[in-house]
Amino acid sequence: MKNAAILTFALMLNTGLFSMQAEAAGDAEAGQKLFTRICGGCHQVGTSARGSFGPHLNAIFGRPAGSTTDYQYSTAMKSSGVIWTRETLTAYIEAPKEVVPGTRMIFWGLSDPEKIENLLAYLQTFQPQ
């Protein structure tokens, strides 16, 4: 009986850990809706994406800030030295002007970690395979 209780507890703990990992990965579908609503006015993604009011965000992970050729970046962004990773993008989405002082990006920031993870999961779908 004691072994059964330990096994049950271990399974519950294991299931909880797996569900936390899945949650941490974000929901790309929810991220797409969020992108459309708060990012899509300035940024594009997908096969026909190009710079417009903001740079396109295809292959953003691992890319140096200010490096696409179809967008006129601010001097602050070009000289920031930032490489876009999950960590730097999270910080930038939360507070753009703190990560790159002098950026021209007009965005108040997003503080909800779940929404940020969803947004990053969506952007991850536009990375080269």
N, C-alpha and C. Protein backbone atom coordinates (compact mmCIF):
# COMPACT_ATOMS: atom_id res chain seq x y z
N MET A 1 0.82 -1.19 0.00
CA MET A 1 0.00 0.00 0.00
C MET A 1 0.87 1.27 0.00
N LYS A 2 1.94 1.24 0.82
CA LYS A 2 2.85 2.39 0.88
C LYS A 2 3.52 2.62 -0.47
N ASN A 3 3.91 1.54 -1.17
CA ASN A 3 4.54 1.68 -2.48
C ASN A 3 3.58 2.28 -3.49
N ALA A 4 2.30 1.89 -3.41
CA ALA A 4 1.30 2.44 -4.32
C ALA A 4 1.13 3.94 -4.11
N ALA A 5 1.15 4.38 -2.86
CA ALA A 5 1.02 5.80 -2.56
C ALA A 5 2.23 6.57 -3.09
N ILE A 6 3.41 6.01 -2.91
CA ILE A 6 4.63 6.65 -3.41
C ILE A 6 4.61 6.74 -4.93
N LEU A 7 4.19 5.64 -5.57
CA LEU A 7 4.10 5.63 -7.03
C LEU A 7 3.09 6.66 -7.53
N THR A 8 1.94 6.73 -6.87
CA THR A 8 0.91 7.71 -7.25
C THR A 8 1.46 9.13 -7.10
N PHE A 9 2.12 9.40 -5.99
CA PHE A 9 2.71 10.73 -5.77
C PHE A 9 3.75 11.05 -6.83
N ALA A 10 4.60 10.08 -7.14
CA ALA A 10 5.62 10.29 -8.17
C ALA A 10 5.00 10.58 -9.52
N LEU A 11 3.95 9.87 -9.86
CA LEU A 11 3.27 10.12 -11.14
C LEU A 11 2.62 11.50 -11.17
N MET A 12 2.01 11.90 -10.06
CA MET A 12 1.40 13.23 -10.01
C MET A 12 2.47 14.32 -10.14
N LEU A 13 3.58 14.13 -9.45
CA LEU A 13 4.68 15.09 -9.53
C LEU A 13 5.23 15.16 -10.94
N ASN A 14 5.44 14.01 -11.56
CA ASN A 14 5.98 13.94 -12.91
C ASN A 14 5.04 14.60 -13.91
N THR A 15 3.75 14.34 -13.79
CA THR A 15 2.75 14.94 -14.69
C THR A 15 2.75 16.45 -14.53
N GLY A 16 2.86 16.92 -13.29
CA GLY A 16 2.91 18.36 -13.05
C GLY A 16 4.12 19.00 -13.69
N LEU A 17 5.26 18.34 -13.60
CA LEU A 17 6.47 18.88 -14.22
C LEU A 17 6.34 18.96 -15.73
N PHE A 18 5.78 17.90 -16.34
CA PHE A 18 5.62 17.92 -17.79
C PHE A 18 4.66 19.01 -18.22
N SER A 19 3.58 19.23 -17.49
CA SER A 19 2.64 20.26 -17.89
C SER A 19 3.24 21.65 -17.73
N MET A 20 4.13 21.84 -16.73
CA MET A 20 4.80 23.13 -16.59
C MET A 20 5.73 23.38 -17.76
N GLN A 21 6.41 22.32 -18.23
CA GLN A 21 7.30 22.48 -19.37
C GLN A 21 6.50 22.84 -20.61
N ALA A 22 5.36 22.21 -20.81
CA ALA A 22 4.54 22.51 -21.99
C ALA A 22 4.04 23.95 -21.93
N GLU A 23 3.65 24.39 -20.73
CA GLU A 23 3.18 25.76 -20.57
C GLU A 23 4.29 26.76 -20.85
N ALA A 24 5.50 26.44 -20.39
CA ALA A 24 6.63 27.34 -20.58
C ALA A 24 6.98 27.51 -22.05
N ALA A 25 6.65 26.52 -22.87
CA ALA A 25 6.97 26.59 -24.29
C ALA A 25 6.07 27.58 -25.03
N GLY A 26 4.94 27.92 -24.49
CA GLY A 26 4.03 28.87 -25.11
C GLY A 26 3.10 28.22 -26.10
N ASP A 27 2.08 28.96 -26.47
CA ASP A 27 1.03 28.52 -27.38
C ASP A 27 1.12 29.38 -28.63
N ALA A 28 1.63 28.79 -29.71
CA ALA A 28 1.85 29.55 -30.95
C ALA A 28 0.54 30.10 -31.52
N GLU A 29 -0.56 29.37 -31.38
CA GLU A 29 -1.84 29.85 -31.90
C GLU A 29 -2.31 31.09 -31.15
N ALA A 30 -2.18 31.07 -29.83
CA ALA A 30 -2.52 32.25 -29.05
C ALA A 30 -1.54 33.39 -29.38
N GLY A 31 -0.28 33.03 -29.61
CA GLY A 31 0.72 34.03 -29.99
C GLY A 31 0.40 34.69 -31.31
N GLN A 32 -0.15 33.92 -32.26
CA GLN A 32 -0.53 34.49 -33.56
C GLN A 32 -1.62 35.55 -33.38
N LYS A 33 -2.59 35.26 -32.56
CA LYS A 33 -3.67 36.23 -32.31
C LYS A 33 -3.12 37.49 -31.65
N LEU A 34 -2.22 37.30 -30.70
CA LEU A 34 -1.61 38.43 -30.02
C LEU A 34 -0.75 39.24 -30.99
N PHE A 35 0.04 38.55 -31.81
CA PHE A 35 0.87 39.23 -32.80
C PHE A 35 0.01 40.09 -33.73
N THR A 36 -1.05 39.51 -34.23
CA THR A 36 -1.94 40.23 -35.14
C THR A 36 -2.49 41.49 -34.47
N ARG A 37 -2.84 41.37 -33.21
CA ARG A 37 -3.48 42.47 -32.50
C ARG A 37 -2.50 43.56 -32.09
N ILE A 38 -1.31 43.18 -31.58
CA ILE A 38 -0.44 44.23 -31.03
C ILE A 38 0.85 44.47 -31.80
N CYS A 39 1.24 43.55 -32.66
CA CYS A 39 2.51 43.71 -33.39
C CYS A 39 2.32 43.90 -34.89
N GLY A 40 1.25 43.30 -35.42
CA GLY A 40 1.04 43.24 -36.86
C GLY A 40 0.85 44.57 -37.55
N GLY A 41 0.56 45.61 -36.82
CA GLY A 41 0.43 46.93 -37.45
C GLY A 41 1.75 47.47 -37.95
N CYS A 42 2.84 47.01 -37.34
CA CYS A 42 4.17 47.50 -37.71
C CYS A 42 5.10 46.41 -38.24
N HIS A 43 4.91 45.17 -37.79
CA HIS A 43 5.82 44.08 -38.14
C HIS A 43 5.11 43.03 -38.98
N GLN A 44 5.87 42.36 -39.84
CA GLN A 44 5.35 41.28 -40.66
C GLN A 44 6.18 40.02 -40.44
N VAL A 45 5.54 38.88 -40.65
CA VAL A 45 6.20 37.58 -40.64
C VAL A 45 5.63 36.76 -41.79
N GLY A 46 6.36 35.74 -42.20
CA GLY A 46 5.89 34.87 -43.27
C GLY A 46 6.70 35.05 -44.54
N THR A 47 6.32 34.28 -45.56
CA THR A 47 7.12 34.25 -46.79
C THR A 47 7.19 35.59 -47.52
N SER A 48 6.15 36.40 -47.43
CA SER A 48 6.18 37.69 -48.13
C SER A 48 6.49 38.86 -47.20
N ALA A 49 6.97 38.57 -45.99
CA ALA A 49 7.24 39.64 -45.01
C ALA A 49 8.36 40.55 -45.49
N ARG A 50 8.21 41.81 -45.16
CA ARG A 50 9.23 42.81 -45.47
C ARG A 50 9.15 43.90 -44.42
N GLY A 51 10.14 44.73 -44.38
CA GLY A 51 10.12 45.85 -43.47
C GLY A 51 9.08 46.86 -43.89
N SER A 52 8.37 47.44 -42.94
CA SER A 52 7.41 48.50 -43.22
C SER A 52 7.56 49.54 -42.12
N PHE A 53 6.59 49.66 -41.23
CA PHE A 53 6.77 50.58 -40.09
C PHE A 53 7.76 50.03 -39.09
N GLY A 54 8.00 48.73 -39.16
CA GLY A 54 9.00 48.05 -38.34
C GLY A 54 9.62 46.96 -39.18
N PRO A 55 10.74 46.39 -38.73
CA PRO A 55 11.37 45.33 -39.51
C PRO A 55 10.55 44.04 -39.49
N HIS A 56 10.75 43.20 -40.50
CA HIS A 56 10.10 41.89 -40.47
C HIS A 56 10.75 41.08 -39.36
N LEU A 57 10.01 40.10 -38.85
CA LEU A 57 10.51 39.34 -37.71
C LEU A 57 10.76 37.87 -38.04
N ASN A 58 10.90 37.55 -39.32
CA ASN A 58 11.31 36.20 -39.69
C ASN A 58 12.73 35.96 -39.18
N ALA A 59 13.00 34.76 -38.71
CA ALA A 59 14.35 34.36 -38.26
C ALA A 59 14.93 35.33 -37.25
N ILE A 60 14.08 35.80 -36.34
CA ILE A 60 14.53 36.79 -35.35
C ILE A 60 15.50 36.20 -34.33
N PHE A 61 15.31 34.93 -33.94
CA PHE A 61 16.16 34.33 -32.91
C PHE A 61 17.57 34.12 -33.44
N GLY A 62 18.53 34.69 -32.74
CA GLY A 62 19.93 34.59 -33.14
C GLY A 62 20.40 35.73 -34.03
N ARG A 63 19.49 36.60 -34.42
CA ARG A 63 19.83 37.70 -35.32
C ARG A 63 20.30 38.91 -34.53
N PRO A 64 21.36 39.58 -34.98
CA PRO A 64 21.77 40.83 -34.33
C PRO A 64 20.72 41.92 -34.55
N ALA A 65 20.47 42.70 -33.53
CA ALA A 65 19.52 43.81 -33.64
C ALA A 65 19.99 44.78 -34.72
N GLY A 66 19.03 45.31 -35.48
CA GLY A 66 19.34 46.31 -36.49
C GLY A 66 20.04 45.79 -37.71
N SER A 67 19.82 44.52 -38.06
CA SER A 67 20.62 43.94 -39.14
C SER A 67 19.88 43.55 -40.42
N THR A 68 18.56 43.67 -40.47
CA THR A 68 17.91 43.36 -41.74
C THR A 68 18.17 44.50 -42.72
N THR A 69 18.16 44.21 -43.99
CA THR A 69 18.52 45.21 -44.99
C THR A 69 17.33 45.99 -45.54
N ASP A 70 16.13 45.58 -45.18
CA ASP A 70 14.95 46.25 -45.75
C ASP A 70 14.25 47.18 -44.77
N TYR A 71 14.98 47.65 -43.78
CA TYR A 71 14.38 48.56 -42.79
C TYR A 71 15.44 49.56 -42.33
N GLN A 72 15.03 50.81 -42.14
CA GLN A 72 15.92 51.87 -41.66
C GLN A 72 15.86 51.92 -40.13
N TYR A 73 16.83 51.31 -39.47
CA TYR A 73 16.87 51.26 -38.02
C TYR A 73 17.39 52.56 -37.42
N SER A 74 17.02 52.79 -36.16
CA SER A 74 17.59 53.92 -35.42
C SER A 74 19.06 53.63 -35.14
N THR A 75 19.82 54.66 -34.92
CA THR A 75 21.22 54.50 -34.55
C THR A 75 21.33 53.69 -33.26
N ALA A 76 20.42 53.92 -32.34
CA ALA A 76 20.43 53.19 -31.07
C ALA A 76 20.29 51.69 -31.30
N MET A 77 19.40 51.29 -32.18
CA MET A 77 19.20 49.86 -32.43
C MET A 77 20.40 49.26 -33.15
N LYS A 78 20.90 49.97 -34.17
CA LYS A 78 22.05 49.46 -34.93
C LYS A 78 23.29 49.30 -34.06
N SER A 79 23.46 50.16 -33.10
CA SER A 79 24.68 50.12 -32.28
C SER A 79 24.46 49.46 -30.91
N SER A 80 23.31 48.83 -30.71
CA SER A 80 22.98 48.27 -29.39
C SER A 80 23.81 47.05 -29.02
N GLY A 81 24.27 46.29 -30.01
CA GLY A 81 25.01 45.07 -29.71
C GLY A 81 24.13 43.91 -29.25
N VAL A 82 22.81 44.08 -29.30
CA VAL A 82 21.89 43.05 -28.85
C VAL A 82 21.80 41.94 -29.90
N ILE A 83 21.82 40.72 -29.42
CA ILE A 83 21.51 39.54 -30.24
C ILE A 83 20.17 39.04 -29.73
N TRP A 84 19.22 38.83 -30.62
CA TRP A 84 17.87 38.43 -30.21
C TRP A 84 17.82 36.95 -29.82
N THR A 85 17.66 36.73 -28.53
CA THR A 85 17.46 35.41 -27.95
C THR A 85 16.12 35.43 -27.23
N ARG A 86 15.68 34.31 -26.69
CA ARG A 86 14.44 34.30 -25.91
C ARG A 86 14.55 35.31 -24.75
N GLU A 87 15.71 35.37 -24.13
CA GLU A 87 15.89 36.25 -22.99
C GLU A 87 15.87 37.72 -23.39
N THR A 88 16.62 38.07 -24.44
CA THR A 88 16.65 39.48 -24.84
C THR A 88 15.31 39.92 -25.43
N LEU A 89 14.65 39.03 -26.18
CA LEU A 89 13.33 39.37 -26.70
C LEU A 89 12.31 39.53 -25.58
N THR A 90 12.38 38.67 -24.58
CA THR A 90 11.46 38.79 -23.44
C THR A 90 11.66 40.14 -22.76
N ALA A 91 12.89 40.49 -22.49
CA ALA A 91 13.18 41.77 -21.84
C ALA A 91 12.73 42.94 -22.72
N TYR A 92 12.97 42.84 -24.03
CA TYR A 92 12.60 43.91 -24.96
C TYR A 92 11.08 44.07 -25.05
N ILE A 93 10.39 42.95 -25.12
CA ILE A 93 8.92 43.01 -25.20
C ILE A 93 8.35 43.61 -23.91
N GLU A 94 8.98 43.33 -22.79
CA GLU A 94 8.53 43.89 -21.51
C GLU A 94 8.79 45.39 -21.43
N ALA A 95 9.95 45.84 -21.89
CA ALA A 95 10.33 47.26 -21.74
C ALA A 95 11.34 47.63 -22.82
N PRO A 96 10.87 47.91 -24.04
CA PRO A 96 11.79 48.18 -25.16
C PRO A 96 12.82 49.27 -24.88
N LYS A 97 12.42 50.36 -24.29
CA LYS A 97 13.33 51.49 -24.10
C LYS A 97 14.35 51.24 -22.99
N GLU A 98 14.13 50.23 -22.16
CA GLU A 98 15.14 49.86 -21.17
C GLU A 98 16.23 48.99 -21.79
N VAL A 99 15.85 48.15 -22.75
CA VAL A 99 16.82 47.27 -23.40
C VAL A 99 17.61 48.04 -24.45
N VAL A 100 16.93 48.87 -25.21
CA VAL A 100 17.60 49.69 -26.24
C VAL A 100 17.16 51.14 -26.05
N PRO A 101 17.84 51.86 -25.14
CA PRO A 101 17.50 53.28 -24.97
C PRO A 101 17.67 54.02 -26.29
N GLY A 102 16.68 54.82 -26.64
CA GLY A 102 16.73 55.56 -27.89
C GLY A 102 16.08 54.85 -29.06
N THR A 103 15.51 53.65 -28.83
CA THR A 103 14.82 52.97 -29.91
C THR A 103 13.63 53.80 -30.37
N ARG A 104 13.31 53.69 -31.65
CA ARG A 104 12.14 54.39 -32.18
C ARG A 104 10.85 53.61 -31.99
N MET A 105 10.98 52.37 -31.54
CA MET A 105 9.79 51.54 -31.39
C MET A 105 8.83 52.16 -30.39
N ILE A 106 7.61 52.38 -30.85
CA ILE A 106 6.59 52.97 -29.99
C ILE A 106 5.72 51.82 -29.48
N PHE A 107 6.08 51.32 -28.31
CA PHE A 107 5.36 50.22 -27.70
C PHE A 107 5.55 50.34 -26.20
N TRP A 108 4.46 50.28 -25.46
CA TRP A 108 4.47 50.49 -24.02
C TRP A 108 5.03 49.28 -23.26
N GLY A 109 5.10 48.13 -23.89
CA GLY A 109 5.59 46.92 -23.25
C GLY A 109 4.45 45.98 -22.89
N LEU A 110 4.81 44.75 -22.65
CA LEU A 110 3.85 43.70 -22.32
C LEU A 110 4.41 42.99 -21.09
N SER A 111 3.65 42.98 -20.01
CA SER A 111 4.18 42.44 -18.76
C SER A 111 3.70 41.02 -18.44
N ASP A 112 2.76 40.48 -19.18
CA ASP A 112 2.22 39.16 -18.90
C ASP A 112 3.16 38.07 -19.43
N PRO A 113 3.83 37.31 -18.56
CA PRO A 113 4.80 36.29 -19.02
C PRO A 113 4.17 35.24 -19.93
N GLU A 114 2.94 34.86 -19.69
CA GLU A 114 2.28 33.86 -20.55
C GLU A 114 2.08 34.40 -21.96
N LYS A 115 1.66 35.65 -22.07
CA LYS A 115 1.47 36.26 -23.39
C LYS A 115 2.81 36.39 -24.12
N ILE A 116 3.86 36.74 -23.39
CA ILE A 116 5.18 36.84 -24.00
C ILE A 116 5.62 35.49 -24.52
N GLU A 117 5.45 34.44 -23.72
CA GLU A 117 5.81 33.08 -24.15
C GLU A 117 5.01 32.67 -25.38
N ASN A 118 3.74 33.01 -25.43
CA ASN A 118 2.91 32.70 -26.59
C ASN A 118 3.42 33.43 -27.83
N LEU A 119 3.74 34.69 -27.66
CA LEU A 119 4.26 35.49 -28.77
C LEU A 119 5.58 34.91 -29.28
N LEU A 120 6.47 34.54 -28.37
CA LEU A 120 7.75 33.95 -28.77
C LEU A 120 7.55 32.59 -29.44
N ALA A 121 6.59 31.82 -28.96
CA ALA A 121 6.29 30.53 -29.60
C ALA A 121 5.84 30.74 -31.04
N TYR A 122 5.03 31.78 -31.26
CA TYR A 122 4.58 32.09 -32.62
C TYR A 122 5.77 32.54 -33.48
N LEU A 123 6.59 33.42 -32.99
CA LEU A 123 7.75 33.88 -33.75
C LEU A 123 8.70 32.73 -34.05
N GLN A 124 8.79 31.78 -33.15
CA GLN A 124 9.65 30.61 -33.36
C GLN A 124 9.23 29.83 -34.61
N THR A 125 7.96 29.90 -34.97
CA THR A 125 7.49 29.16 -36.15
C THR A 125 8.03 29.77 -37.45
N PHE A 126 8.65 30.93 -37.37
CA PHE A 126 9.21 31.59 -38.57
C PHE A 126 10.73 31.51 -38.58
N GLN A 127 11.29 30.58 -37.83
CA GLN A 127 12.72 30.31 -37.86
C GLN A 127 13.01 29.33 -38.99
N PRO A 128 14.16 29.44 -39.64
CA PRO A 128 14.52 28.47 -40.68
C PRO A 128 14.61 27.07 -40.07
N GLN A 129 14.20 26.10 -40.83
CA GLN A 129 14.23 24.70 -40.33
C GLN A 129 15.57 24.08 -40.51
